[in-house]
């Protein structure tokens, strides 16, 4: 499959999911993005249109990579910072990715840290 076709299908999945998933002040959207080298996660209030919390592998430590171990570390970090900010419950936005591997380990680590979704 050509790369352009693969990217366009991923973007269509993102749009389809974003029609249904929305964050509020009480329950923000936890969006996660994995690039080839880094992991980015943020809690977004879609009603007000601003980011409440942001964590990435660039902020935490340069030794973290976009693999399962890095996903677990970032998931725990998101949960800690969310608890400190008073966020207990979130809506998980996996950005059109399958729920396995890094996405699954990130979500499980965030749940273990105390986030509910």
N, C-alpha and C. Protein backbone atom coordinates (compact mmCIF):
# COMPACT_ATOMS: atom_id res chain seq x y z
N UNK A 1 0.85 -1.17 0.00
CA UNK A 1 0.00 0.00 0.00
C UNK A 1 0.90 1.23 0.00
N UNK A 2 0.57 2.18 -0.83
CA UNK A 2 1.38 3.39 -0.90
C UNK A 2 1.22 4.21 0.37
N UNK A 3 2.25 4.97 0.68
CA UNK A 3 2.27 5.76 1.91
C UNK A 3 1.18 6.82 1.92
N UNK A 4 0.90 7.43 0.77
CA UNK A 4 -0.14 8.45 0.71
C UNK A 4 -1.51 7.86 1.03
N UNK A 5 -1.77 6.67 0.51
CA UNK A 5 -3.04 6.00 0.76
C UNK A 5 -3.18 5.64 2.24
N UNK A 6 -2.08 5.17 2.84
CA UNK A 6 -2.08 4.78 4.24
C UNK A 6 -2.33 6.01 5.13
N UNK A 7 -1.70 7.12 4.81
CA UNK A 7 -1.89 8.35 5.58
C UNK A 7 -3.30 8.89 5.43
N UNK A 8 -3.86 8.80 4.23
CA UNK A 8 -5.21 9.31 4.03
C UNK A 8 -6.24 8.45 4.77
N UNK A 9 -6.03 7.14 4.82
CA UNK A 9 -6.95 6.27 5.57
C UNK A 9 -6.86 6.55 7.07
N UNK A 10 -5.64 6.81 7.58
CA UNK A 10 -5.47 7.15 8.99
C UNK A 10 -6.17 8.47 9.30
N UNK A 11 -6.06 9.45 8.41
CA UNK A 11 -6.72 10.74 8.63
C UNK A 11 -8.24 10.59 8.61
N UNK A 12 -8.77 9.74 7.75
CA UNK A 12 -10.21 9.50 7.73
C UNK A 12 -10.68 8.88 9.04
N UNK A 13 -9.89 7.94 9.59
CA UNK A 13 -10.25 7.34 10.88
C UNK A 13 -10.22 8.38 11.98
N UNK A 14 -9.24 9.27 11.95
CA UNK A 14 -9.16 10.34 12.96
C UNK A 14 -10.41 11.22 12.90
N UNK A 15 -10.79 11.63 11.71
CA UNK A 15 -11.97 12.49 11.56
C UNK A 15 -13.23 11.78 12.04
N UNK A 16 -13.36 10.51 11.71
CA UNK A 16 -14.54 9.74 12.10
C UNK A 16 -14.62 9.62 13.63
N UNK A 17 -13.49 9.40 14.27
CA UNK A 17 -13.47 9.30 15.72
C UNK A 17 -13.72 10.66 16.36
N UNK A 18 -13.15 11.72 15.81
CA UNK A 18 -13.28 13.05 16.40
C UNK A 18 -14.71 13.60 16.31
N UNK A 19 -15.52 13.06 15.39
CA UNK A 19 -16.93 13.45 15.35
C UNK A 19 -17.65 12.99 16.60
N UNK A 20 -17.20 11.89 17.19
CA UNK A 20 -17.88 11.29 18.33
C UNK A 20 -17.21 11.61 19.67
N UNK A 21 -15.90 11.82 19.68
CA UNK A 21 -15.14 12.01 20.92
C UNK A 21 -14.90 13.49 21.13
N UNK A 22 -15.33 14.00 22.30
CA UNK A 22 -15.14 15.40 22.62
C UNK A 22 -14.86 15.53 24.11
N UNK A 23 -14.01 16.49 24.46
CA UNK A 23 -13.65 16.69 25.86
C UNK A 23 -14.30 17.93 26.43
N UNK A 24 -14.56 17.91 27.74
CA UNK A 24 -15.12 19.05 28.44
C UNK A 24 -14.16 19.43 29.57
N UNK A 25 -14.53 20.45 30.33
CA UNK A 25 -13.69 20.85 31.45
C UNK A 25 -13.65 19.78 32.52
N UNK A 26 -14.80 19.14 32.78
CA UNK A 26 -14.86 18.08 33.80
C UNK A 26 -14.20 16.79 33.32
N UNK A 27 -14.33 16.51 32.05
CA UNK A 27 -13.80 15.27 31.49
C UNK A 27 -13.09 15.58 30.16
N UNK A 28 -11.82 16.00 30.22
CA UNK A 28 -11.10 16.38 29.00
C UNK A 28 -10.74 15.17 28.13
N UNK A 29 -10.38 15.47 26.90
CA UNK A 29 -9.98 14.43 25.95
C UNK A 29 -8.48 14.19 26.09
N UNK A 30 -8.09 12.95 26.33
CA UNK A 30 -6.69 12.56 26.42
C UNK A 30 -6.25 12.06 25.05
N UNK A 31 -5.58 12.94 24.30
CA UNK A 31 -5.12 12.60 22.96
C UNK A 31 -3.68 12.14 23.03
N UNK A 32 -3.38 11.04 22.36
CA UNK A 32 -2.02 10.49 22.35
C UNK A 32 -1.55 10.37 20.91
N UNK A 33 -0.28 10.69 20.69
CA UNK A 33 0.30 10.61 19.35
C UNK A 33 1.69 9.99 19.46
N UNK A 34 1.95 9.00 18.63
CA UNK A 34 3.24 8.34 18.58
C UNK A 34 3.90 8.66 17.24
N UNK A 35 5.06 9.28 17.27
CA UNK A 35 5.85 9.43 16.07
C UNK A 35 6.88 8.30 16.07
N UNK A 36 7.78 8.31 15.13
CA UNK A 36 8.79 7.25 15.10
C UNK A 36 9.77 7.35 16.26
N UNK A 37 9.96 8.57 16.80
CA UNK A 37 10.96 8.76 17.85
C UNK A 37 10.37 9.14 19.20
N UNK A 38 9.22 9.80 19.24
CA UNK A 38 8.72 10.35 20.48
C UNK A 38 7.24 10.07 20.69
N UNK A 39 6.79 10.30 21.94
CA UNK A 39 5.41 10.12 22.34
C UNK A 39 4.90 11.46 22.86
N UNK A 40 3.69 11.84 22.43
CA UNK A 40 3.09 13.09 22.86
C UNK A 40 1.69 12.78 23.40
N UNK A 41 1.35 13.36 24.55
CA UNK A 41 0.02 13.17 25.12
C UNK A 41 -0.44 14.50 25.69
N UNK A 42 -1.73 14.79 25.53
CA UNK A 42 -2.26 16.04 26.06
C UNK A 42 -3.73 15.87 26.44
N UNK A 43 -4.13 16.59 27.47
CA UNK A 43 -5.53 16.65 27.89
C UNK A 43 -6.10 17.95 27.34
N UNK A 44 -7.18 17.84 26.57
CA UNK A 44 -7.72 18.97 25.83
C UNK A 44 -9.16 19.22 26.23
N UNK A 45 -9.47 20.47 26.50
CA UNK A 45 -10.85 20.91 26.72
C UNK A 45 -11.35 21.44 25.39
N UNK A 46 -12.20 20.67 24.71
CA UNK A 46 -12.68 21.05 23.38
C UNK A 46 -13.73 22.15 23.44
N UNK A 47 -14.40 22.32 24.56
CA UNK A 47 -15.40 23.37 24.68
C UNK A 47 -14.73 24.74 24.66
N UNK A 48 -13.69 24.89 25.48
CA UNK A 48 -12.95 26.15 25.52
C UNK A 48 -11.88 26.23 24.45
N UNK A 49 -11.44 25.09 23.96
CA UNK A 49 -10.45 25.06 22.90
C UNK A 49 -9.04 25.29 23.38
N UNK A 50 -8.69 24.76 24.56
CA UNK A 50 -7.32 24.90 25.02
C UNK A 50 -6.83 23.61 25.67
N UNK A 51 -5.50 23.49 25.74
CA UNK A 51 -4.85 22.33 26.31
C UNK A 51 -4.68 22.53 27.81
N UNK A 52 -5.15 21.57 28.58
CA UNK A 52 -5.06 21.66 30.03
C UNK A 52 -3.76 21.06 30.56
N UNK A 53 -3.22 20.08 29.84
CA UNK A 53 -2.05 19.35 30.32
C UNK A 53 -1.31 18.79 29.12
N UNK A 54 0.03 18.82 29.16
CA UNK A 54 0.82 18.33 28.04
C UNK A 54 2.03 17.58 28.58
N UNK A 55 2.26 16.38 28.07
CA UNK A 55 3.42 15.57 28.44
C UNK A 55 3.96 14.93 27.17
N UNK A 56 5.29 14.89 27.04
CA UNK A 56 5.89 14.19 25.91
C UNK A 56 7.20 13.56 26.35
N UNK A 57 7.73 12.72 25.50
CA UNK A 57 9.01 12.09 25.81
C UNK A 57 10.14 13.12 25.68
N UNK A 58 9.89 14.23 25.05
CA UNK A 58 10.88 15.31 24.99
C UNK A 58 10.96 16.03 26.33
N UNK A 59 9.83 16.19 27.02
CA UNK A 59 9.79 16.88 28.31
C UNK A 59 10.40 16.02 29.41
N UNK A 60 10.07 14.78 29.43
CA UNK A 60 10.41 13.89 30.53
C UNK A 60 11.91 13.57 30.56
N UNK A 61 12.37 12.91 29.54
CA UNK A 61 13.76 12.44 29.52
C UNK A 61 14.11 12.11 28.07
N UNK A 62 15.32 12.43 27.67
CA UNK A 62 15.71 12.20 26.29
C UNK A 62 15.94 10.72 26.00
N UNK A 63 16.05 9.88 27.05
CA UNK A 63 16.30 8.46 26.83
C UNK A 63 15.02 7.69 26.50
N UNK A 64 13.84 8.30 26.73
CA UNK A 64 12.58 7.62 26.41
C UNK A 64 12.37 7.58 24.91
N UNK A 65 11.89 6.45 24.42
CA UNK A 65 11.65 6.28 23.00
C UNK A 65 10.19 5.91 22.78
N UNK A 66 9.78 5.88 21.54
CA UNK A 66 8.40 5.55 21.19
C UNK A 66 8.24 4.04 21.11
N UNK A 67 8.39 3.38 22.26
CA UNK A 67 8.17 1.94 22.34
C UNK A 67 7.29 1.67 23.56
N UNK A 68 7.09 0.41 23.89
CA UNK A 68 6.17 0.05 24.97
C UNK A 68 6.67 0.58 26.31
N UNK A 69 7.97 0.50 26.57
CA UNK A 69 8.51 0.99 27.84
C UNK A 69 8.32 2.50 27.96
N UNK A 70 8.55 3.22 26.88
CA UNK A 70 8.33 4.67 26.88
C UNK A 70 6.87 5.02 27.04
N UNK A 71 6.00 4.22 26.44
CA UNK A 71 4.56 4.46 26.56
C UNK A 71 4.10 4.29 28.00
N UNK A 72 4.63 3.30 28.69
CA UNK A 72 4.28 3.07 30.10
C UNK A 72 4.74 4.25 30.95
N UNK A 73 5.96 4.73 30.72
CA UNK A 73 6.49 5.85 31.50
C UNK A 73 5.68 7.13 31.26
N UNK A 74 5.33 7.41 30.01
CA UNK A 74 4.55 8.61 29.70
C UNK A 74 3.13 8.46 30.24
N UNK A 75 2.56 7.27 30.18
CA UNK A 75 1.23 7.04 30.74
C UNK A 75 1.17 7.31 32.23
N UNK A 76 2.19 6.85 32.95
CA UNK A 76 2.25 7.13 34.40
C UNK A 76 2.43 8.63 34.66
N UNK A 77 3.26 9.26 33.86
CA UNK A 77 3.50 10.70 34.02
C UNK A 77 2.24 11.52 33.76
N UNK A 78 1.47 11.13 32.75
CA UNK A 78 0.20 11.81 32.46
C UNK A 78 -0.75 11.67 33.64
N UNK A 79 -0.83 10.47 34.20
CA UNK A 79 -1.74 10.23 35.33
C UNK A 79 -1.33 11.07 36.54
N UNK A 80 -0.04 11.15 36.82
CA UNK A 80 0.43 11.94 37.96
C UNK A 80 0.11 13.42 37.78
N UNK A 81 0.40 13.94 36.61
CA UNK A 81 0.15 15.37 36.36
C UNK A 81 -1.34 15.68 36.32
N UNK A 82 -2.13 14.75 35.81
CA UNK A 82 -3.58 14.96 35.78
C UNK A 82 -4.14 14.99 37.19
N UNK A 83 -3.68 14.09 38.04
CA UNK A 83 -4.13 14.08 39.43
C UNK A 83 -3.75 15.38 40.12
N UNK A 84 -2.54 15.88 39.85
CA UNK A 84 -2.10 17.15 40.45
C UNK A 84 -2.94 18.32 39.95
N UNK A 85 -3.42 18.24 38.71
CA UNK A 85 -4.24 19.31 38.13
C UNK A 85 -5.72 19.15 38.49
N UNK A 86 -6.08 18.07 39.18
CA UNK A 86 -7.46 17.86 39.59
C UNK A 86 -8.32 17.16 38.55
N UNK A 87 -7.70 16.48 37.62
CA UNK A 87 -8.42 15.73 36.59
C UNK A 87 -8.45 14.26 36.99
N UNK A 88 -9.66 13.71 37.15
CA UNK A 88 -9.80 12.32 37.55
C UNK A 88 -10.29 11.43 36.42
N UNK A 89 -11.09 11.99 35.52
CA UNK A 89 -11.71 11.21 34.46
C UNK A 89 -11.44 11.87 33.11
N UNK A 90 -11.12 11.08 32.10
CA UNK A 90 -10.82 11.59 30.77
C UNK A 90 -11.54 10.75 29.71
N UNK A 91 -11.58 11.28 28.50
CA UNK A 91 -12.06 10.55 27.33
C UNK A 91 -10.82 10.22 26.51
N UNK A 92 -10.58 8.96 26.22
CA UNK A 92 -9.35 8.54 25.54
C UNK A 92 -9.50 8.66 24.03
N UNK A 93 -8.60 9.41 23.41
CA UNK A 93 -8.55 9.59 21.96
C UNK A 93 -7.27 8.94 21.47
N UNK A 94 -7.39 7.80 20.81
CA UNK A 94 -6.22 7.07 20.35
C UNK A 94 -5.77 7.49 18.96
N UNK A 95 -6.37 8.50 18.42
CA UNK A 95 -5.98 9.11 17.13
C UNK A 95 -6.03 8.15 15.96
N UNK A 96 -7.03 7.27 15.94
CA UNK A 96 -7.21 6.37 14.81
C UNK A 96 -6.33 5.15 14.84
N UNK A 97 -5.54 4.97 15.87
CA UNK A 97 -4.65 3.81 15.96
C UNK A 97 -5.38 2.63 16.59
N UNK A 98 -4.89 1.44 16.33
CA UNK A 98 -5.46 0.24 16.94
C UNK A 98 -5.13 0.20 18.42
N UNK A 99 -6.02 -0.38 19.19
CA UNK A 99 -5.81 -0.49 20.63
C UNK A 99 -5.00 -1.74 20.92
N UNK A 100 -3.70 -1.67 20.65
CA UNK A 100 -2.77 -2.74 21.00
C UNK A 100 -1.36 -2.16 21.02
N UNK A 101 -0.44 -2.89 21.57
CA UNK A 101 0.95 -2.44 21.59
C UNK A 101 1.16 -1.22 22.47
N UNK A 102 1.73 -0.18 21.88
CA UNK A 102 2.06 1.04 22.62
C UNK A 102 0.82 1.76 23.13
N UNK A 103 -0.23 1.81 22.33
CA UNK A 103 -1.46 2.49 22.74
C UNK A 103 -2.07 1.78 23.95
N UNK A 104 -2.10 0.47 23.91
CA UNK A 104 -2.68 -0.30 25.01
C UNK A 104 -1.84 -0.15 26.28
N UNK A 105 -0.52 -0.21 26.16
CA UNK A 105 0.32 -0.08 27.35
C UNK A 105 0.24 1.33 27.93
N UNK A 106 0.13 2.35 27.08
CA UNK A 106 -0.05 3.72 27.54
C UNK A 106 -1.36 3.85 28.33
N UNK A 107 -2.44 3.31 27.80
CA UNK A 107 -3.75 3.40 28.45
C UNK A 107 -3.76 2.65 29.77
N UNK A 108 -3.18 1.47 29.81
CA UNK A 108 -3.15 0.69 31.04
C UNK A 108 -2.32 1.38 32.12
N UNK A 109 -1.21 2.00 31.73
CA UNK A 109 -0.37 2.71 32.70
C UNK A 109 -1.10 3.94 33.24
N UNK A 110 -1.85 4.63 32.39
CA UNK A 110 -2.62 5.79 32.85
C UNK A 110 -3.74 5.35 33.80
N UNK A 111 -4.36 4.21 33.51
CA UNK A 111 -5.40 3.68 34.41
C UNK A 111 -4.81 3.27 35.75
N UNK A 112 -3.63 2.65 35.72
CA UNK A 112 -2.97 2.25 36.96
C UNK A 112 -2.60 3.48 37.79
N UNK A 113 -2.30 4.58 37.11
CA UNK A 113 -1.98 5.83 37.80
C UNK A 113 -3.17 6.52 38.41
N UNK A 114 -4.37 6.08 38.09
CA UNK A 114 -5.56 6.62 38.72
C UNK A 114 -6.54 7.32 37.80
N UNK A 115 -6.25 7.43 36.51
CA UNK A 115 -7.20 8.05 35.59
C UNK A 115 -8.31 7.06 35.25
N UNK A 116 -9.50 7.58 35.09
CA UNK A 116 -10.64 6.74 34.72
C UNK A 116 -11.09 7.10 33.30
N UNK A 117 -11.13 6.08 32.44
CA UNK A 117 -11.69 6.23 31.09
C UNK A 117 -12.08 4.90 30.55
